[in-house]
N, C-alpha and C. Protein backbone atom coordinates (compact mmCIF):
# COMPACT_ATOMS: atom_id res chain seq x y z
N MET A 1 1.80 12.79 -6.25
CA MET A 1 2.26 13.74 -7.31
C MET A 1 2.14 15.19 -6.69
N THR A 2 3.03 15.97 -7.13
CA THR A 2 3.39 17.32 -6.65
C THR A 2 2.29 18.29 -7.39
N ASP A 3 2.21 19.42 -6.79
CA ASP A 3 1.13 20.56 -7.44
C ASP A 3 1.97 21.26 -8.59
N GLU A 4 3.25 20.98 -8.65
CA GLU A 4 3.94 21.64 -9.58
C GLU A 4 4.06 20.99 -11.00
N PRO A 5 3.86 21.76 -12.12
CA PRO A 5 3.79 21.31 -13.40
C PRO A 5 4.93 20.64 -13.87
N ARG A 6 4.70 19.57 -14.50
CA ARG A 6 5.72 18.66 -15.11
C ARG A 6 6.49 19.46 -16.30
N LEU A 7 7.94 19.57 -16.31
CA LEU A 7 8.43 20.09 -17.39
C LEU A 7 8.38 19.14 -18.49
N VAL A 8 8.11 19.81 -19.70
CA VAL A 8 8.13 18.99 -21.13
C VAL A 8 8.83 19.97 -21.90
N ARG A 9 9.80 19.30 -22.53
CA ARG A 9 10.68 20.05 -23.40
C ARG A 9 10.87 19.63 -24.95
N VAL A 10 10.44 20.47 -25.87
CA VAL A 10 10.32 19.76 -27.37
C VAL A 10 11.84 20.26 -27.95
N VAL A 11 12.73 18.93 -28.08
CA VAL A 11 14.02 19.39 -28.85
C VAL A 11 14.06 19.40 -30.53
N PRO A 12 14.31 20.52 -31.11
CA PRO A 12 13.85 20.75 -32.53
C PRO A 12 14.92 19.42 -33.16
N GLY A 13 14.04 18.89 -34.05
CA GLY A 13 15.06 17.74 -34.63
C GLY A 13 15.17 16.72 -33.84
N GLY A 14 14.50 16.57 -32.64
CA GLY A 14 14.87 15.55 -31.63
C GLY A 14 13.96 15.06 -30.84
N PRO A 15 14.18 14.49 -29.69
CA PRO A 15 12.88 13.69 -28.92
C PRO A 15 12.21 14.93 -28.20
N VAL A 16 11.25 14.47 -27.44
CA VAL A 16 10.41 15.40 -26.49
C VAL A 16 10.97 14.55 -24.99
N MET A 17 11.66 15.54 -24.37
CA MET A 17 11.77 15.43 -23.08
C MET A 17 11.20 15.58 -21.91
N VAL A 18 10.59 14.68 -21.22
CA VAL A 18 9.82 14.87 -20.21
C VAL A 18 10.51 14.29 -18.75
N GLU A 19 10.25 15.47 -17.77
CA GLU A 19 10.61 14.91 -16.50
C GLU A 19 10.06 13.89 -15.74
N GLY A 20 10.76 12.67 -15.64
CA GLY A 20 10.22 11.60 -15.08
C GLY A 20 10.08 11.18 -13.60
N PRO A 21 9.68 10.34 -13.08
CA PRO A 21 9.39 8.74 -13.96
C PRO A 21 8.29 9.16 -14.57
N VAL A 22 8.09 8.05 -15.86
CA VAL A 22 6.76 8.39 -16.73
C VAL A 22 6.24 7.10 -16.84
N ARG A 23 4.84 6.80 -17.25
CA ARG A 23 4.26 5.66 -17.50
C ARG A 23 3.47 6.25 -18.90
N ILE A 24 3.94 5.51 -20.08
CA ILE A 24 3.16 5.84 -21.44
C ILE A 24 2.22 4.68 -21.69
N GLU A 25 1.28 5.04 -22.06
CA GLU A 25 0.06 4.06 -22.47
C GLU A 25 0.29 3.90 -24.23
N MET A 26 0.56 3.04 -24.73
CA MET A 26 0.48 3.09 -26.19
C MET A 26 -1.00 2.73 -26.65
N PRO A 27 -1.02 3.19 -28.34
CA PRO A 27 -2.48 3.00 -28.42
C PRO A 27 -3.22 1.53 -28.40
N ASP A 28 -2.22 0.37 -28.50
CA ASP A 28 -2.62 -0.92 -28.26
C ASP A 28 -2.76 -1.53 -26.78
N GLY A 29 -2.76 -0.38 -25.72
CA GLY A 29 -2.97 -0.47 -24.39
C GLY A 29 -1.70 -0.93 -23.65
N LYS A 30 -0.51 -1.04 -24.30
CA LYS A 30 0.55 -1.67 -23.50
C LYS A 30 1.37 -0.66 -22.91
N ILE A 31 1.77 -0.71 -21.72
CA ILE A 31 2.33 0.44 -20.88
C ILE A 31 3.92 0.11 -20.92
N VAL A 32 4.52 1.51 -21.17
CA VAL A 32 5.97 1.46 -21.18
C VAL A 32 6.39 2.29 -19.96
N GLU A 33 7.41 1.94 -19.07
CA GLU A 33 7.58 2.89 -17.87
C GLU A 33 9.24 3.14 -17.89
N SER A 34 9.50 4.29 -17.47
CA SER A 34 10.95 4.76 -17.37
C SER A 34 10.99 5.54 -16.08
N ASP A 35 11.94 5.21 -15.16
CA ASP A 35 12.09 5.72 -14.04
C ASP A 35 13.19 6.44 -13.74
N ARG A 36 13.58 6.85 -15.04
CA ARG A 36 14.70 8.10 -15.11
C ARG A 36 14.25 9.36 -14.74
N PHE A 37 15.13 10.34 -14.35
CA PHE A 37 14.70 11.66 -14.02
C PHE A 37 14.18 12.52 -15.06
N MET A 38 14.72 12.26 -16.33
CA MET A 38 14.43 12.94 -17.68
C MET A 38 14.18 11.74 -18.70
N VAL A 39 13.30 11.84 -19.40
CA VAL A 39 12.84 10.80 -20.35
C VAL A 39 12.55 11.34 -21.83
N ALA A 40 13.67 10.44 -22.75
CA ALA A 40 13.21 11.32 -24.14
C ALA A 40 12.30 10.39 -24.75
N ILE A 41 11.48 10.92 -25.24
CA ILE A 41 10.19 10.26 -25.93
C ILE A 41 10.58 10.60 -27.55
N CYS A 42 10.59 9.45 -28.42
CA CYS A 42 10.77 9.60 -29.50
C CYS A 42 9.74 10.43 -30.38
N ALA A 43 10.14 11.36 -31.32
CA ALA A 43 9.25 12.10 -32.00
C ALA A 43 9.13 11.78 -33.46
N CYS A 44 10.41 10.96 -34.06
CA CYS A 44 10.58 10.71 -35.34
C CYS A 44 10.02 9.31 -35.69
N ARG A 45 9.52 8.14 -34.75
CA ARG A 45 9.44 7.06 -34.94
C ARG A 45 10.19 6.03 -35.60
N ARG A 46 11.72 6.65 -35.67
CA ARG A 46 12.64 5.67 -36.04
C ARG A 46 13.20 4.83 -35.21
N SER A 47 12.84 5.26 -33.83
CA SER A 47 13.69 4.35 -32.56
C SER A 47 13.24 2.94 -32.78
N LYS A 48 14.27 2.25 -32.49
CA LYS A 48 14.02 0.88 -32.22
C LYS A 48 13.55 0.36 -30.82
N THR A 49 13.56 1.33 -29.79
CA THR A 49 12.97 1.31 -28.55
C THR A 49 11.79 2.18 -28.37
N TYR A 50 11.14 2.49 -29.40
CA TYR A 50 9.96 3.29 -29.58
C TYR A 50 8.98 2.83 -28.58
N PRO A 51 8.33 3.58 -27.74
CA PRO A 51 8.06 5.30 -27.70
C PRO A 51 9.64 5.85 -27.26
N LEU A 52 10.51 5.26 -26.51
CA LEU A 52 11.60 5.89 -25.97
C LEU A 52 12.61 6.03 -27.09
N CYS A 53 13.21 7.22 -27.06
CA CYS A 53 14.20 7.63 -28.11
C CYS A 53 15.59 6.88 -27.90
N ASP A 54 16.43 6.37 -28.91
CA ASP A 54 17.40 5.74 -29.13
C ASP A 54 18.54 6.68 -29.81
N THR A 55 18.09 7.91 -30.27
CA THR A 55 19.00 8.83 -30.95
C THR A 55 18.93 8.37 -32.42
N SER A 56 17.86 7.78 -32.83
CA SER A 56 18.13 7.23 -34.33
C SER A 56 17.67 8.60 -35.15
N HIS A 57 17.21 9.68 -34.77
CA HIS A 57 17.04 10.75 -35.24
C HIS A 57 18.24 11.51 -35.64
N ARG A 58 19.44 11.19 -35.14
CA ARG A 58 20.46 11.71 -35.45
C ARG A 58 21.35 11.31 -36.83
N ARG A 59 20.98 10.06 -37.02
CA ARG A 59 21.47 9.36 -38.40
C ARG A 59 21.14 10.00 -39.71
N ARG A 60 19.65 10.30 -39.61
CA ARG A 60 19.07 11.11 -40.89
C ARG A 60 18.17 12.00 -40.40
N GLN A 61 18.13 13.09 -41.32
CA GLN A 61 16.81 14.07 -40.95
C GLN A 61 15.73 13.88 -41.84
N ARG A 62 14.52 14.15 -41.17
CA ARG A 62 13.38 14.00 -42.05
C ARG A 62 13.34 14.88 -43.19
N GLY A 63 13.04 14.18 -44.53
CA GLY A 63 13.12 14.75 -45.70
C GLY A 63 14.16 14.82 -46.30
N ASP A 64 15.36 14.16 -45.79
CA ASP A 64 16.48 14.02 -46.42
C ASP A 64 16.74 12.71 -47.23
N ASN A 65 16.00 12.83 -48.53
CA ASN A 65 15.90 11.64 -49.40
C ASN A 65 17.24 11.57 -50.41
N ALA A 66 17.91 12.76 -50.35
CA ALA A 66 19.18 12.50 -51.19
C ALA A 66 20.07 11.53 -50.83
N THR A 67 19.96 11.18 -49.52
CA THR A 67 20.92 9.96 -49.02
C THR A 67 20.22 8.91 -49.81
N ASP A 68 18.93 8.76 -49.84
CA ASP A 68 18.29 7.43 -50.12
C ASP A 68 18.37 7.39 -51.71
N GLN A 69 18.46 8.54 -52.26
CA GLN A 69 18.46 8.35 -53.81
C GLN A 69 19.88 7.97 -54.27
N GLY A 70 20.70 8.41 -53.39
CA GLY A 70 22.27 8.12 -53.98
C GLY A 70 22.44 6.58 -53.62
N SER A 71 22.01 6.04 -52.67
CA SER A 71 22.25 4.54 -52.25
C SER A 71 21.39 3.76 -53.32
N VAL A 72 20.22 4.03 -53.69
CA VAL A 72 19.51 3.53 -54.80
C VAL A 72 20.19 3.26 -56.08
N GLN A 73 20.70 4.61 -56.46
CA GLN A 73 21.55 4.80 -57.85
C GLN A 73 22.72 3.91 -57.71
N GLY A 74 23.63 4.02 -56.45
CA GLY A 74 24.64 3.11 -56.45
C GLY A 74 24.30 1.61 -56.36
N VAL A 75 23.07 1.12 -55.96
CA VAL A 75 22.68 -0.33 -56.16
C VAL A 75 22.40 -0.66 -57.45
N ALA A 76 21.76 0.43 -58.29
CA ALA A 76 21.52 0.09 -59.63
C ALA A 76 22.33 -0.23 -60.77
N GLN A 77 23.49 0.71 -60.19
CA GLN A 77 24.72 0.82 -61.53
C GLN A 77 25.27 -0.80 -61.50
C-alpha cells in the first residue's frame, strides 16, 4: 500500500467514488471486491449490485414520491 491518501469523491445525488482496487466488508461479513481503477459505491441502496453502484439513482431521485403517487392513482382508476 502506498503512503499517498486514497481519493474518495462523493457525487451529489450519486455514488461514492473510491480509487480502486477495493475490498468492501459488508455487515454480514461478506466480502465484495473490485479491481477497477475507480469504483462506484452505491449511496442510495437501490442498486441491484449493492454495494456497487448500477446507476439506479438516475431513474428516480430520493423524495420523489410524485411519480409513485401518479402510478398508484393510475392503477386505482
